[in-house]
């Protein structure tokens, strides 16, 4: 069996086990989670994940700064 076939078979077995022991609350949450994003991140090295996190933090800070600037501009008297 080639590795890809093994992966497909393991995924199928995991799904069968999950169906037998499914918790309705967890199943509800699972429908709302994009597991492809989790898999994509797990393929990254630890260093790559940290770099990605730092990039997101810089972006979040830029959004906060832009929000503060927009609020400041709204409060300024209009000429």
C-alpha atoms as a PDB file:
ATOM      1  CA  UNK A   1       0.000   0.000   0.000  1.00  0.00           C
ATOM      2  CA  UNK A   2       1.409   3.408  -0.902  1.00  0.00           C
ATOM      3  CA  UNK A   3       1.387   6.148   1.777  1.00  0.00           C
ATOM      4  CA  UNK A   4      -1.431   8.153   0.177  1.00  0.00           C
ATOM      5  CA  UNK A   5      -3.710   5.097   0.183  1.00  0.00           C
ATOM      6  CA  UNK A   6      -2.858   4.479   3.832  1.00  0.00           C
ATOM      7  CA  UNK A   7      -3.727   8.093   4.632  1.00  0.00           C
ATOM      8  CA  UNK A   8      -7.085   7.777   2.853  1.00  0.00           C
ATOM      9  CA  UNK A   9      -7.852   4.509   4.654  1.00  0.00           C
ATOM     10  CA  UNK A  10      -6.898   6.002   8.021  1.00  0.00           C
ATOM     11  CA  UNK A  11      -9.130   9.008   7.326  1.00  0.00           C
ATOM     12  CA  UNK A  12     -12.007   6.665   6.477  1.00  0.00           C
ATOM     13  CA  UNK A  13     -11.440   4.668   9.676  1.00  0.00           C
ATOM     14  CA  UNK A  14     -11.292   7.860  11.722  1.00  0.00           C
ATOM     15  CA  UNK A  15     -14.603   8.973  10.226  1.00  0.00           C
ATOM     16  CA  UNK A  16     -16.215   5.610  11.055  1.00  0.00           C
ATOM     17  CA  UNK A  17     -15.000   5.838  14.656  1.00  0.00           C
ATOM     18  CA  UNK A  18     -16.198   9.421  14.886  1.00  0.00           C
ATOM     19  CA  UNK A  19     -19.651   8.444  13.621  1.00  0.00           C
ATOM     20  CA  UNK A  20     -19.965   5.719  16.267  1.00  0.00           C
ATOM     21  CA  UNK A  21     -18.925   7.974  19.145  1.00  0.00           C
ATOM     22  CA  UNK A  22     -20.289  11.286  17.897  1.00  0.00           C
ATOM     23  CA  UNK A  23     -21.175  13.886  20.496  1.00  0.00           C
ATOM     24  CA  UNK A  24     -23.927  16.152  19.127  1.00  0.00           C
ATOM     25  CA  UNK A  25     -22.361  19.278  20.653  1.00  0.00           C
ATOM     26  CA  UNK A  26     -18.975  18.543  19.098  1.00  0.00           C
ATOM     27  CA  UNK A  27     -20.584  17.712  15.770  1.00  0.00           C
ATOM     28  CA  UNK A  28     -22.294  21.118  15.807  1.00  0.00           C
ATOM     29  CA  UNK A  29     -18.967  22.876  16.414  1.00  0.00           C
ATOM     30  CA  UNK A  30     -17.186  20.782  13.771  1.00  0.00           C
ATOM     31  CA  UNK A  31     -19.547  22.047  11.079  1.00  0.00           C
ATOM     32  CA  UNK A  32     -18.403  25.586  11.855  1.00  0.00           C
ATOM     33  CA  UNK A  33     -14.651  24.881  11.791  1.00  0.00           C
ATOM     34  CA  UNK A  34     -12.563  24.918   8.634  1.00  0.00           C
ATOM     35  CA  UNK A  35     -10.284  21.958   9.340  1.00  0.00           C
ATOM     36  CA  UNK A  36      -8.319  22.609   6.155  1.00  0.00           C
ATOM     37  CA  UNK A  37      -6.841  25.670   7.896  1.00  0.00           C
ATOM     38  CA  UNK A  38      -5.780  23.518  10.838  1.00  0.00           C
ATOM     39  CA  UNK A  39      -4.178  20.967   8.537  1.00  0.00           C
ATOM     40  CA  UNK A  40      -2.452  23.735   6.578  1.00  0.00           C
ATOM     41  CA  UNK A  41      -0.951  25.186   9.756  1.00  0.00           C
ATOM     42  CA  UNK A  42       0.174  21.781  11.009  1.00  0.00           C
ATOM     43  CA  UNK A  43       2.158  21.329   7.797  1.00  0.00           C
ATOM     44  CA  UNK A  44       4.216  24.400   8.712  1.00  0.00           C
ATOM     45  CA  UNK A  45       7.312  24.185  10.860  1.00  0.00           C
ATOM     46  CA  UNK A  46       7.212  25.692  14.345  1.00  0.00           C
ATOM     47  CA  UNK A  47       9.309  28.606  13.113  1.00  0.00           C
ATOM     48  CA  UNK A  48       6.952  29.200  10.167  1.00  0.00           C
ATOM     49  CA  UNK A  49       3.970  29.204  12.543  1.00  0.00           C
ATOM     50  CA  UNK A  50       5.659  31.770  14.791  1.00  0.00           C
ATOM     51  CA  UNK A  51       6.492  33.976  11.808  1.00  0.00           C
ATOM     52  CA  UNK A  52       2.890  33.742  10.615  1.00  0.00           C
ATOM     53  CA  UNK A  53       1.655  34.619  14.114  1.00  0.00           C
ATOM     54  CA  UNK A  54       3.972  37.633  14.318  1.00  0.00           C
ATOM     55  CA  UNK A  55       2.740  38.807  10.917  1.00  0.00           C
ATOM     56  CA  UNK A  56      -0.877  38.543  12.097  1.00  0.00           C
ATOM     57  CA  UNK A  57      -0.003  40.473  15.266  1.00  0.00           C
ATOM     58  CA  UNK A  58       1.572  43.269  13.203  1.00  0.00           C
ATOM     59  CA  UNK A  59      -1.558  43.374  11.038  1.00  0.00           C
ATOM     60  CA  UNK A  60      -3.827  43.487  14.112  1.00  0.00           C
ATOM     61  CA  UNK A  61      -1.795  46.359  15.552  1.00  0.00           C
ATOM     62  CA  UNK A  62      -2.044  48.234  12.242  1.00  0.00           C
ATOM     63  CA  UNK A  63      -5.845  47.749  12.291  1.00  0.00           C
ATOM     64  CA  UNK A  64      -6.023  49.083  15.846  1.00  0.00           C
ATOM     65  CA  UNK A  65      -3.886  52.083  14.873  1.00  0.00           C
ATOM     66  CA  UNK A  66      -6.074  52.780  11.834  1.00  0.00           C
ATOM     67  CA  UNK A  67      -9.198  52.496  13.994  1.00  0.00           C
ATOM     68  CA  UNK A  68      -7.841  54.983  16.533  1.00  0.00           C
ATOM     69  CA  UNK A  69      -6.880  57.353  13.712  1.00  0.00           C
ATOM     70  CA  UNK A  70     -10.360  57.093  12.167  1.00  0.00           C
ATOM     71  CA  UNK A  71     -11.992  57.819  15.536  1.00  0.00           C
ATOM     72  CA  UNK A  72      -9.692  60.795  16.071  1.00  0.00           C
ATOM     73  CA  UNK A  73     -10.626  62.198  12.654  1.00  0.00           C
ATOM     74  CA  UNK A  74     -14.347  61.835  13.370  1.00  0.00           C
ATOM     75  CA  UNK A  75     -13.977  63.823  16.590  1.00  0.00           C
ATOM     76  CA  UNK A  76     -12.166  66.712  14.885  1.00  0.00           C
ATOM     77  CA  UNK A  77     -14.358  69.728  14.122  1.00  0.00           C
ATOM     78  CA  UNK A  78     -15.221  69.966  10.454  1.00  0.00           C
ATOM     79  CA  UNK A  79     -14.249  73.173   8.704  1.00  0.00           C
END
